[in-house]
Amino acid sequence: MINYQELTDQELLAEISEENTDAFAALYDRYGKRVFGLAARILNDAVKSEEVTQDVFMRVWRRGHTYMPDKGKFTTWLFRIAHNRTIDELRKLRRDKSRYSDDITERYDLESDDISPPEAAVANSEYEQVRLALKVLPEPQRQVVYLSYFEGMTQTQIAEATDQPLGTVKTRMRLALKKLRVALDKEIYGDD
């Protein structure tokens, strides 16, 4: 009998592409709470964060075969999907203006006991690397990254909010992402 918890992310994806629900459950157990935590920090809505988490993992179930290891780590791919889906939901909520607040800490323990100390150390290390990389960006570049990735604003909205030409915002975003990619290349995009 296979112990799916011991398989690598890539091995689990290979099993998932064969519609192996046990492998899918193991991958969900490994990353579900972290995906939920990302969504919860941005949305501040437990129900919507659970929906985002479910959508993210359904995309992995349907499109796991599209992950390309030579383009970066699995976690980078997974959390890019999660971030994009969360920002889509944030934009929808802002449009609907029907957002309600829910104390997510009571509904879901974000300081999960089922994340092993090594996994927690890796997550904390990655977070620290991103935090340090953001600190070295010039303030105008850091601002556009923050407004885009943490506030869910489009580049047009950022231009309006900062009273800057759209071209300037696009240039700052491009430069910031290029600098972040270089700074994080070894830590996040390196080999597993």
N, C-alpha and C. Protein backbone atom coordinates (compact mmCIF):
# COMPACT_ATOMS: atom_id res chain seq x y z
N MET A 1 0.85 -1.19 0.00
CA MET A 1 0.00 0.00 0.00
C MET A 1 0.89 1.25 0.00
N ILE A 2 0.52 2.20 -0.80
CA ILE A 2 1.30 3.43 -0.95
C ILE A 2 0.98 4.39 0.19
N ASN A 3 2.03 4.96 0.79
CA ASN A 3 1.85 6.02 1.77
C ASN A 3 1.97 7.34 1.02
N TYR A 4 0.84 7.93 0.68
CA TYR A 4 0.83 9.13 -0.16
C TYR A 4 1.45 10.34 0.54
N GLN A 5 1.45 10.33 1.86
CA GLN A 5 2.04 11.45 2.59
C GLN A 5 3.55 11.54 2.36
N GLU A 6 4.17 10.44 1.99
CA GLU A 6 5.61 10.43 1.78
C GLU A 6 6.02 10.76 0.35
N LEU A 7 5.05 10.84 -0.56
CA LEU A 7 5.37 11.15 -1.95
C LEU A 7 5.69 12.63 -2.12
N THR A 8 6.52 12.95 -3.11
CA THR A 8 6.82 14.35 -3.41
C THR A 8 5.61 14.97 -4.09
N ASP A 9 5.62 16.29 -4.17
CA ASP A 9 4.53 16.99 -4.85
C ASP A 9 4.37 16.51 -6.29
N GLN A 10 5.49 16.35 -6.99
CA GLN A 10 5.46 15.90 -8.38
C GLN A 10 4.90 14.48 -8.49
N GLU A 11 5.26 13.62 -7.57
CA GLU A 11 4.72 12.26 -7.58
C GLU A 11 3.22 12.26 -7.32
N LEU A 12 2.78 13.12 -6.41
CA LEU A 12 1.34 13.23 -6.16
C LEU A 12 0.62 13.75 -7.40
N LEU A 13 1.21 14.75 -8.07
CA LEU A 13 0.58 15.27 -9.29
C LEU A 13 0.47 14.20 -10.37
N ALA A 14 1.49 13.37 -10.49
CA ALA A 14 1.43 12.28 -11.46
C ALA A 14 0.28 11.33 -11.13
N GLU A 15 0.10 11.05 -9.87
CA GLU A 15 -1.01 10.19 -9.44
C GLU A 15 -2.36 10.88 -9.67
N ILE A 16 -2.40 12.18 -9.40
CA ILE A 16 -3.64 12.94 -9.60
C ILE A 16 -4.03 12.96 -11.08
N SER A 17 -3.04 13.03 -11.96
CA SER A 17 -3.34 13.02 -13.39
C SER A 17 -3.97 11.70 -13.81
N GLU A 18 -3.79 10.66 -13.00
CA GLU A 18 -4.43 9.36 -13.22
C GLU A 18 -5.73 9.25 -12.43
N GLU A 19 -6.20 10.40 -11.92
CA GLU A 19 -7.45 10.52 -11.15
C GLU A 19 -7.41 9.72 -9.85
N ASN A 20 -6.28 9.74 -9.19
CA ASN A 20 -6.11 9.06 -7.92
C ASN A 20 -6.57 9.99 -6.80
N THR A 21 -7.71 9.69 -6.21
CA THR A 21 -8.28 10.56 -5.18
C THR A 21 -7.48 10.53 -3.88
N ASP A 22 -6.78 9.42 -3.61
CA ASP A 22 -5.95 9.36 -2.39
C ASP A 22 -4.78 10.33 -2.51
N ALA A 23 -4.18 10.40 -3.70
CA ALA A 23 -3.08 11.34 -3.92
C ALA A 23 -3.59 12.77 -3.81
N PHE A 24 -4.77 13.02 -4.35
CA PHE A 24 -5.37 14.35 -4.27
C PHE A 24 -5.62 14.74 -2.81
N ALA A 25 -6.14 13.80 -2.03
CA ALA A 25 -6.40 14.07 -0.60
C ALA A 25 -5.09 14.38 0.13
N ALA A 26 -4.02 13.66 -0.22
CA ALA A 26 -2.72 13.91 0.43
C ALA A 26 -2.20 15.29 0.08
N LEU A 27 -2.37 15.70 -1.18
CA LEU A 27 -1.92 17.04 -1.59
C LEU A 27 -2.74 18.11 -0.89
N TYR A 28 -4.04 17.88 -0.78
CA TYR A 28 -4.91 18.83 -0.08
C TYR A 28 -4.51 18.92 1.39
N ASP A 29 -4.25 17.79 2.01
CA ASP A 29 -3.83 17.79 3.41
C ASP A 29 -2.54 18.58 3.59
N ARG A 30 -1.65 18.48 2.62
CA ARG A 30 -0.35 19.13 2.68
C ARG A 30 -0.47 20.66 2.55
N TYR A 31 -1.35 21.14 1.69
CA TYR A 31 -1.37 22.57 1.36
C TYR A 31 -2.71 23.28 1.58
N GLY A 32 -3.75 22.56 1.92
CA GLY A 32 -5.07 23.17 2.05
C GLY A 32 -5.14 24.33 3.02
N LYS A 33 -4.57 24.14 4.20
CA LYS A 33 -4.64 25.21 5.21
C LYS A 33 -3.80 26.42 4.82
N ARG A 34 -2.69 26.19 4.11
CA ARG A 34 -1.86 27.31 3.68
C ARG A 34 -2.56 28.11 2.59
N VAL A 35 -3.25 27.41 1.67
CA VAL A 35 -4.01 28.11 0.63
C VAL A 35 -5.15 28.90 1.28
N PHE A 36 -5.84 28.26 2.22
CA PHE A 36 -6.91 28.96 2.94
C PHE A 36 -6.35 30.18 3.67
N GLY A 37 -5.20 30.04 4.31
CA GLY A 37 -4.59 31.16 5.04
C GLY A 37 -4.27 32.32 4.13
N LEU A 38 -3.76 32.04 2.93
CA LEU A 38 -3.48 33.10 1.97
C LEU A 38 -4.76 33.84 1.61
N ALA A 39 -5.80 33.08 1.29
CA ALA A 39 -7.08 33.69 0.91
C ALA A 39 -7.67 34.47 2.08
N ALA A 40 -7.59 33.91 3.27
CA ALA A 40 -8.17 34.56 4.45
C ALA A 40 -7.49 35.88 4.78
N ARG A 41 -6.17 35.93 4.61
CA ARG A 41 -5.46 37.18 4.89
C ARG A 41 -5.90 38.29 3.95
N ILE A 42 -6.21 37.95 2.72
CA ILE A 42 -6.60 38.97 1.75
C ILE A 42 -8.09 39.27 1.82
N LEU A 43 -8.93 38.24 1.95
CA LEU A 43 -10.38 38.41 1.89
C LEU A 43 -11.01 38.74 3.25
N ASN A 44 -10.41 38.27 4.33
CA ASN A 44 -10.98 38.43 5.66
C ASN A 44 -12.41 37.93 5.71
N ASP A 45 -12.65 36.81 5.06
CA ASP A 45 -13.98 36.22 4.98
C ASP A 45 -13.80 34.71 4.92
N ALA A 46 -14.18 34.02 5.98
CA ALA A 46 -13.94 32.58 6.08
C ALA A 46 -14.67 31.79 5.00
N VAL A 47 -15.92 32.12 4.75
CA VAL A 47 -16.71 31.38 3.76
C VAL A 47 -16.11 31.54 2.37
N LYS A 48 -15.80 32.77 1.99
CA LYS A 48 -15.22 33.02 0.67
C LYS A 48 -13.83 32.39 0.57
N SER A 49 -13.08 32.39 1.65
CA SER A 49 -11.75 31.78 1.65
C SER A 49 -11.85 30.27 1.45
N GLU A 50 -12.86 29.65 2.05
CA GLU A 50 -13.08 28.22 1.85
C GLU A 50 -13.46 27.94 0.39
N GLU A 51 -14.28 28.81 -0.20
CA GLU A 51 -14.67 28.64 -1.60
C GLU A 51 -13.45 28.76 -2.51
N VAL A 52 -12.61 29.75 -2.23
CA VAL A 52 -11.38 29.94 -3.03
C VAL A 52 -10.50 28.70 -2.92
N THR A 53 -10.33 28.20 -1.71
CA THR A 53 -9.50 27.01 -1.49
C THR A 53 -10.04 25.83 -2.29
N GLN A 54 -11.35 25.64 -2.25
CA GLN A 54 -11.95 24.55 -3.02
C GLN A 54 -11.72 24.75 -4.51
N ASP A 55 -11.89 25.97 -5.00
CA ASP A 55 -11.67 26.25 -6.43
C ASP A 55 -10.22 25.98 -6.83
N VAL A 56 -9.29 26.40 -5.99
CA VAL A 56 -7.87 26.20 -6.30
C VAL A 56 -7.56 24.71 -6.45
N PHE A 57 -8.05 23.91 -5.51
CA PHE A 57 -7.74 22.49 -5.58
C PHE A 57 -8.51 21.78 -6.69
N MET A 58 -9.67 22.29 -7.06
CA MET A 58 -10.36 21.72 -8.22
C MET A 58 -9.56 22.02 -9.50
N ARG A 59 -8.94 23.18 -9.56
CA ARG A 59 -8.09 23.49 -10.71
C ARG A 59 -6.88 22.57 -10.75
N VAL A 60 -6.32 22.28 -9.58
CA VAL A 60 -5.19 21.34 -9.53
C VAL A 60 -5.65 19.96 -10.00
N TRP A 61 -6.84 19.53 -9.58
CA TRP A 61 -7.38 18.24 -9.98
C TRP A 61 -7.54 18.17 -11.50
N ARG A 62 -8.09 19.24 -12.07
CA ARG A 62 -8.37 19.24 -13.51
C ARG A 62 -7.13 19.57 -14.35
N ARG A 63 -6.23 20.41 -13.82
CA ARG A 63 -5.12 20.90 -14.64
C ARG A 63 -3.74 20.64 -14.05
N GLY A 64 -3.64 19.70 -13.16
CA GLY A 64 -2.34 19.40 -12.56
C GLY A 64 -1.30 19.00 -13.59
N HIS A 65 -1.75 18.44 -14.69
CA HIS A 65 -0.83 18.02 -15.74
C HIS A 65 -0.16 19.21 -16.44
N THR A 66 -0.68 20.42 -16.23
CA THR A 66 -0.08 21.60 -16.88
C THR A 66 1.11 22.16 -16.11
N TYR A 67 1.31 21.68 -14.87
CA TYR A 67 2.46 22.14 -14.09
C TYR A 67 3.75 21.68 -14.77
N MET A 68 4.69 22.62 -14.91
CA MET A 68 5.97 22.30 -15.55
C MET A 68 7.09 22.55 -14.54
N PRO A 69 7.71 21.48 -14.03
CA PRO A 69 8.75 21.61 -13.01
C PRO A 69 9.91 22.51 -13.41
N ASP A 70 10.22 22.59 -14.70
CA ASP A 70 11.34 23.41 -15.13
C ASP A 70 11.04 24.90 -15.03
N LYS A 71 9.78 25.28 -14.80
CA LYS A 71 9.40 26.69 -14.67
C LYS A 71 9.43 27.17 -13.22
N GLY A 72 9.55 26.26 -12.26
CA GLY A 72 9.59 26.65 -10.85
C GLY A 72 9.03 25.57 -9.95
N LYS A 73 9.10 25.82 -8.67
CA LYS A 73 8.61 24.87 -7.69
C LYS A 73 7.09 24.71 -7.80
N PHE A 74 6.62 23.54 -7.37
CA PHE A 74 5.19 23.29 -7.34
C PHE A 74 4.47 24.30 -6.46
N THR A 75 5.07 24.60 -5.29
CA THR A 75 4.40 25.53 -4.38
C THR A 75 4.26 26.92 -5.01
N THR A 76 5.22 27.33 -5.81
CA THR A 76 5.12 28.62 -6.49
C THR A 76 3.94 28.59 -7.45
N TRP A 77 3.80 27.52 -8.20
CA TRP A 77 2.70 27.35 -9.15
C TRP A 77 1.36 27.33 -8.40
N LEU A 78 1.28 26.54 -7.34
CA LEU A 78 0.05 26.41 -6.57
C LEU A 78 -0.37 27.75 -5.96
N PHE A 79 0.58 28.45 -5.34
CA PHE A 79 0.22 29.70 -4.67
C PHE A 79 -0.01 30.84 -5.66
N ARG A 80 0.51 30.73 -6.87
CA ARG A 80 0.17 31.70 -7.91
C ARG A 80 -1.31 31.52 -8.29
N ILE A 81 -1.73 30.25 -8.45
CA ILE A 81 -3.14 29.97 -8.73
C ILE A 81 -4.00 30.51 -7.58
N ALA A 82 -3.59 30.22 -6.36
CA ALA A 82 -4.35 30.65 -5.18
C ALA A 82 -4.42 32.18 -5.11
N HIS A 83 -3.30 32.84 -5.35
CA HIS A 83 -3.29 34.30 -5.29
C HIS A 83 -4.20 34.89 -6.36
N ASN A 84 -4.09 34.39 -7.58
CA ASN A 84 -4.92 34.92 -8.67
C ASN A 84 -6.40 34.69 -8.40
N ARG A 85 -6.75 33.51 -7.90
CA ARG A 85 -8.16 33.22 -7.62
C ARG A 85 -8.66 34.09 -6.47
N THR A 86 -7.81 34.33 -5.48
CA THR A 86 -8.19 35.19 -4.35
C THR A 86 -8.41 36.62 -4.80
N ILE A 87 -7.53 37.14 -5.64
CA ILE A 87 -7.67 38.51 -6.13
C ILE A 87 -8.94 38.63 -6.98
N ASP A 88 -9.24 37.61 -7.79
CA ASP A 88 -10.49 37.62 -8.56
C ASP A 88 -11.68 37.73 -7.62
N GLU A 89 -11.66 36.96 -6.55
CA GLU A 89 -12.76 36.98 -5.58
C GLU A 89 -12.84 38.33 -4.87
N LEU A 90 -11.69 38.91 -4.53
CA LEU A 90 -11.68 40.22 -3.89
C LEU A 90 -12.30 41.27 -4.80
N ARG A 91 -11.94 41.25 -6.06
CA ARG A 91 -12.51 42.20 -7.01
C ARG A 91 -14.01 42.02 -7.14
N LYS A 92 -14.46 40.76 -7.16
CA LYS A 92 -15.89 40.49 -7.25
C LYS A 92 -16.60 41.03 -6.00
N LEU A 93 -16.02 40.79 -4.84
CA LEU A 93 -16.63 41.27 -3.60
C LEU A 93 -16.71 42.79 -3.58
N ARG A 94 -15.67 43.43 -4.06
CA ARG A 94 -15.70 44.90 -4.10
C ARG A 94 -16.77 45.39 -5.04
N ARG A 95 -16.94 44.70 -6.17
CA ARG A 95 -17.99 45.10 -7.11
C ARG A 95 -19.36 44.89 -6.50
N ASP A 96 -19.55 43.78 -5.86
CA ASP A 96 -20.86 43.47 -5.27
C ASP A 96 -21.18 44.33 -4.06
N LYS A 97 -20.15 44.79 -3.38
CA LYS A 97 -20.30 45.60 -2.16
C LYS A 97 -21.19 44.91 -1.12
N SER A 98 -21.17 43.59 -1.14
CA SER A 98 -22.01 42.85 -0.21
C SER A 98 -21.16 42.03 0.75
N ARG A 99 -19.97 42.54 1.00
CA ARG A 99 -19.03 41.83 1.86
C ARG A 99 -19.45 41.88 3.32
N TYR A 100 -19.31 40.79 4.01
CA TYR A 100 -19.55 40.80 5.45
C TYR A 100 -18.32 40.28 6.15
N SER A 101 -18.15 40.71 7.40
CA SER A 101 -16.97 40.32 8.15
C SER A 101 -17.28 39.11 9.00
N ASP A 102 -16.33 38.24 9.12
CA ASP A 102 -16.47 37.02 9.91
C ASP A 102 -15.15 36.82 10.64
N ASP A 103 -15.21 36.47 11.90
CA ASP A 103 -13.98 36.25 12.64
C ASP A 103 -13.42 34.88 12.23
N ILE A 104 -12.51 34.91 11.28
CA ILE A 104 -11.99 33.66 10.73
C ILE A 104 -11.16 32.88 11.74
N THR A 105 -10.61 33.54 12.73
CA THR A 105 -9.79 32.80 13.69
C THR A 105 -10.63 31.83 14.50
N GLU A 106 -11.92 32.12 14.68
CA GLU A 106 -12.79 31.21 15.40
C GLU A 106 -13.21 30.03 14.53
N ARG A 107 -13.33 30.24 13.24
CA ARG A 107 -13.80 29.19 12.33
C ARG A 107 -12.70 28.27 11.88
N TYR A 108 -11.48 28.77 11.82
CA TYR A 108 -10.42 27.97 11.23
C TYR A 108 -9.11 28.32 11.90
N ASP A 109 -8.43 27.33 12.39
CA ASP A 109 -7.17 27.57 13.09
C ASP A 109 -6.05 27.71 12.06
N LEU A 110 -5.61 28.95 11.83
CA LEU A 110 -4.57 29.18 10.85
C LEU A 110 -3.21 28.72 11.35
N GLU A 111 -3.03 28.61 12.63
CA GLU A 111 -1.81 28.06 13.20
C GLU A 111 -2.04 26.56 13.33
N SER A 112 -2.00 25.89 12.24
CA SER A 112 -2.41 24.50 12.14
C SER A 112 -1.45 23.56 12.86
N ASP A 113 -2.01 22.59 13.58
CA ASP A 113 -1.21 21.56 14.23
C ASP A 113 -0.76 20.48 13.25
N ASP A 114 -1.44 20.40 12.08
CA ASP A 114 -1.09 19.32 11.16
C ASP A 114 0.02 19.70 10.19
N ILE A 115 0.53 20.92 10.28
CA ILE A 115 1.69 21.29 9.47
C ILE A 115 2.92 20.97 10.30
N SER A 116 3.75 20.14 9.73
CA SER A 116 4.92 19.68 10.48
C SER A 116 5.90 20.83 10.71
N PRO A 117 6.73 20.73 11.74
CA PRO A 117 7.74 21.77 11.98
C PRO A 117 8.63 22.04 10.78
N PRO A 118 9.07 21.01 10.04
CA PRO A 118 9.88 21.32 8.85
C PRO A 118 9.11 22.13 7.80
N GLU A 119 7.81 21.77 7.58
CA GLU A 119 7.00 22.53 6.62
C GLU A 119 6.81 23.97 7.10
N ALA A 120 6.57 24.14 8.38
CA ALA A 120 6.40 25.48 8.93
C ALA A 120 7.69 26.28 8.78
N ALA A 121 8.81 25.64 8.99
CA ALA A 121 10.10 26.32 8.84
C ALA A 121 10.31 26.77 7.40
N VAL A 122 9.97 25.90 6.44
CA VAL A 122 10.10 26.26 5.04
C VAL A 122 9.19 27.44 4.70
N ALA A 123 7.93 27.37 5.16
CA ALA A 123 6.99 28.45 4.88
C ALA A 123 7.48 29.77 5.48
N ASN A 124 7.95 29.72 6.72
CA ASN A 124 8.45 30.93 7.37
C ASN A 124 9.69 31.47 6.66
N SER A 125 10.54 30.57 6.21
CA SER A 125 11.74 30.98 5.50
C SER A 125 11.37 31.65 4.18
N GLU A 126 10.43 31.06 3.43
CA GLU A 126 10.00 31.65 2.16
C GLU A 126 9.36 33.02 2.41
N TYR A 127 8.51 33.12 3.45
CA TYR A 127 7.87 34.38 3.76
C TYR A 127 8.93 35.44 4.09
N GLU A 128 9.92 35.06 4.87
CA GLU A 128 10.98 36.00 5.26
C GLU A 128 11.77 36.45 4.04
N GLN A 129 12.05 35.55 3.11
CA GLN A 129 12.78 35.91 1.89
C GLN A 129 11.98 36.92 1.07
N VAL A 130 10.68 36.70 0.94
CA VAL A 130 9.83 37.63 0.19
C VAL A 130 9.79 38.98 0.90
N ARG A 131 9.63 38.96 2.22
CA ARG A 131 9.58 40.20 2.99
C ARG A 131 10.86 41.01 2.81
N LEU A 132 12.00 40.34 2.89
CA LEU A 132 13.28 41.03 2.73
C LEU A 132 13.46 41.54 1.30
N ALA A 133 13.03 40.77 0.32
CA ALA A 133 13.14 41.20 -1.07
C ALA A 133 12.27 42.43 -1.33
N LEU A 134 11.09 42.46 -0.75
CA LEU A 134 10.22 43.63 -0.91
C LEU A 134 10.84 44.88 -0.27
N LYS A 135 11.52 44.70 0.84
CA LYS A 135 12.13 45.83 1.55
C LYS A 135 13.19 46.55 0.71
N VAL A 136 13.89 45.82 -0.14
CA VAL A 136 14.96 46.45 -0.91
C VAL A 136 14.46 47.15 -2.17
N LEU A 137 13.20 46.97 -2.51
CA LEU A 137 12.66 47.68 -3.66
C LEU A 137 12.54 49.17 -3.35
N PRO A 138 12.75 50.02 -4.33
CA PRO A 138 12.47 51.45 -4.12
C PRO A 138 10.99 51.63 -3.77
N GLU A 139 10.67 52.61 -2.96
CA GLU A 139 9.30 52.82 -2.47
C GLU A 139 8.25 52.84 -3.59
N PRO A 140 8.46 53.55 -4.70
CA PRO A 140 7.42 53.56 -5.74
C PRO A 140 7.15 52.16 -6.32
N GLN A 141 8.18 51.34 -6.43
CA GLN A 141 7.99 49.98 -6.93
C GLN A 141 7.31 49.10 -5.88
N ARG A 142 7.73 49.25 -4.64
CA ARG A 142 7.11 48.48 -3.55
C ARG A 142 5.62 48.82 -3.44
N GLN A 143 5.29 50.09 -3.63
CA GLN A 143 3.90 50.53 -3.54
C GLN A 143 3.02 49.86 -4.60
N VAL A 144 3.49 49.82 -5.85
CA VAL A 144 2.64 49.21 -6.89
C VAL A 144 2.49 47.71 -6.67
N VAL A 145 3.54 47.04 -6.18
CA VAL A 145 3.43 45.62 -5.88
C VAL A 145 2.42 45.40 -4.76
N TYR A 146 2.52 46.19 -3.71
CA TYR A 146 1.60 46.06 -2.58
C TYR A 146 0.15 46.28 -3.03
N LEU A 147 -0.09 47.37 -3.77
CA LEU A 147 -1.45 47.67 -4.19
C LEU A 147 -2.02 46.60 -5.12
N SER A 148 -1.17 46.03 -5.94
CA SER A 148 -1.63 45.00 -6.86
C SER A 148 -1.86 43.67 -6.15
N TYR A 149 -0.85 43.19 -5.43
CA TYR A 149 -0.92 41.84 -4.88
C TYR A 149 -1.65 41.73 -3.55
N PHE A 150 -1.65 42.80 -2.77
CA PHE A 150 -2.28 42.70 -1.46
C PHE A 150 -3.59 43.48 -1.36
N GLU A 151 -3.79 44.42 -2.25
CA GLU A 151 -5.04 45.17 -2.27
C GLU A 151 -5.92 44.79 -3.45
N GLY A 152 -5.36 44.01 -4.38
CA GLY A 152 -6.15 43.52 -5.50
C GLY A 152 -6.49 44.56 -6.55
N MET A 153 -5.72 45.62 -6.61
CA MET A 153 -6.00 46.69 -7.57
C MET A 153 -5.41 46.37 -8.94
N THR A 154 -6.10 46.80 -9.98
CA THR A 154 -5.55 46.68 -11.33
C THR A 154 -4.53 47.80 -11.52
N GLN A 155 -3.75 47.71 -12.59
CA GLN A 155 -2.77 48.76 -12.85
C GLN A 155 -3.47 50.10 -13.14
N THR A 156 -4.60 50.06 -13.77
CA THR A 156 -5.37 51.29 -14.03
C THR A 156 -5.83 51.91 -12.71
N GLN A 157 -6.31 51.07 -11.79
CA GLN A 157 -6.73 51.57 -10.48
C GLN A 157 -5.55 52.14 -9.69
N ILE A 158 -4.40 51.49 -9.79
CA ILE A 158 -3.20 51.98 -9.11
C ILE A 158 -2.83 53.36 -9.67
N ALA A 159 -2.87 53.49 -10.99
CA ALA A 159 -2.54 54.77 -11.62
C ALA A 159 -3.45 55.87 -11.11
N GLU A 160 -4.74 55.58 -11.01
CA GLU A 160 -5.70 56.57 -10.50
C GLU A 160 -5.45 56.88 -9.03
N ALA A 161 -5.22 55.84 -8.23
CA ALA A 161 -5.03 56.03 -6.79
C ALA A 161 -3.75 56.79 -6.45
N THR A 162 -2.71 56.59 -7.25
CA THR A 162 -1.42 57.23 -6.98
C THR A 162 -1.20 58.48 -7.82
N ASP A 163 -2.17 58.79 -8.66
CA ASP A 163 -2.09 59.96 -9.54
C ASP A 163 -0.82 59.91 -10.40
N GLN A 164 -0.59 58.72 -10.97
CA GLN A 164 0.57 58.49 -11.85
C GLN A 164 0.06 58.04 -13.21
N PRO A 165 0.81 58.33 -14.27
CA PRO A 165 0.41 57.81 -15.58
C PRO A 165 0.44 56.27 -15.58
N LEU A 166 -0.47 55.67 -16.34
CA LEU A 166 -0.55 54.22 -16.42
C LEU A 166 0.78 53.62 -16.88
N GLY A 167 1.44 54.24 -17.81
CA GLY A 167 2.74 53.76 -18.29
C GLY A 167 3.77 53.70 -17.18
N THR A 168 3.75 54.69 -16.29
CA THR A 168 4.68 54.72 -15.16
C THR A 168 4.40 53.55 -14.22
N VAL A 169 3.13 53.30 -13.95
CA VAL A 169 2.75 52.19 -13.07
C VAL A 169 3.20 50.87 -13.69
N LYS A 170 2.97 50.70 -14.98
CA LYS A 170 3.37 49.46 -15.66
C LYS A 170 4.88 49.26 -15.61
N THR A 171 5.62 50.34 -15.83
CA THR A 171 7.08 50.26 -15.79
C THR A 171 7.55 49.90 -14.39
N ARG A 172 6.98 50.54 -13.37
CA ARG A 172 7.38 50.24 -11.99
C ARG A 172 7.06 48.79 -11.63
N MET A 173 5.91 48.30 -12.07
CA MET A 173 5.54 46.92 -11.78
C MET A 173 6.51 45.96 -12.47
N ARG A 174 6.80 46.21 -13.73
CA ARG A 174 7.70 45.34 -14.47
C ARG A 174 9.08 45.30 -13.81
N LEU A 175 9.61 46.49 -13.46
CA LEU A 175 10.92 46.55 -12.81
C LEU A 175 10.90 45.87 -11.45
N ALA A 176 9.84 46.09 -10.69
CA ALA A 176 9.74 45.49 -9.36
C ALA A 176 9.70 43.97 -9.45
N LEU A 177 8.89 43.45 -10.36
CA LEU A 177 8.78 42.00 -10.49
C LEU A 177 10.09 41.38 -10.99
N LYS A 178 10.78 42.10 -11.87
CA LYS A 178 12.06 41.62 -12.35
C LYS A 178 13.07 41.55 -11.19
N LYS A 179 13.10 42.60 -10.37
CA LYS A 179 14.02 42.62 -9.22
C LYS A 179 13.66 41.54 -8.20
N LEU A 180 12.36 41.36 -7.97
CA LEU A 180 11.94 40.32 -7.03
C LEU A 180 12.31 38.94 -7.55
N ARG A 181 12.12 38.73 -8.84
CA ARG A 181 12.45 37.43 -9.43
C ARG A 181 13.93 37.13 -9.25
N VAL A 182 14.78 38.13 -9.51
CA VAL A 182 16.22 37.93 -9.34
C VAL A 182 16.55 37.65 -7.87
N ALA A 183 15.96 38.44 -6.97
CA ALA A 183 16.25 38.30 -5.54
C ALA A 183 15.78 36.95 -4.99
N LEU A 184 14.67 36.45 -5.52
CA LEU A 184 14.09 35.23 -4.99
C LEU A 184 14.42 33.99 -5.81
N ASP A 185 15.11 34.18 -6.90
CA ASP A 185 15.37 33.08 -7.83
C ASP A 185 15.94 31.86 -7.15
N LYS A 186 16.97 32.03 -6.37
CA LYS A 186 17.63 30.89 -5.74
C LYS A 186 16.73 30.25 -4.66
N GLU A 187 16.07 31.06 -3.84
CA GLU A 187 15.30 30.54 -2.73
C GLU A 187 13.99 29.89 -3.15
N ILE A 188 13.26 30.53 -4.08
CA ILE A 188 11.92 30.04 -4.40
C ILE A 188 11.87 29.31 -5.73
N TYR A 189 12.57 29.78 -6.73
CA TYR A 189 12.47 29.17 -8.04
C TYR A 189 13.56 28.13 -8.29
N GLY A 190 14.42 27.93 -7.31
CA GLY A 190 15.49 26.95 -7.47
C GLY A 190 14.97 25.53 -7.48
N ASP A 191 15.87 24.60 -7.66
CA ASP A 191 15.48 23.19 -7.69
C ASP A 191 15.01 22.76 -6.31
N ASP A 192 14.09 21.74 -6.33
CA ASP A 192 13.57 21.19 -5.07
C ASP A 192 14.65 20.44 -4.33
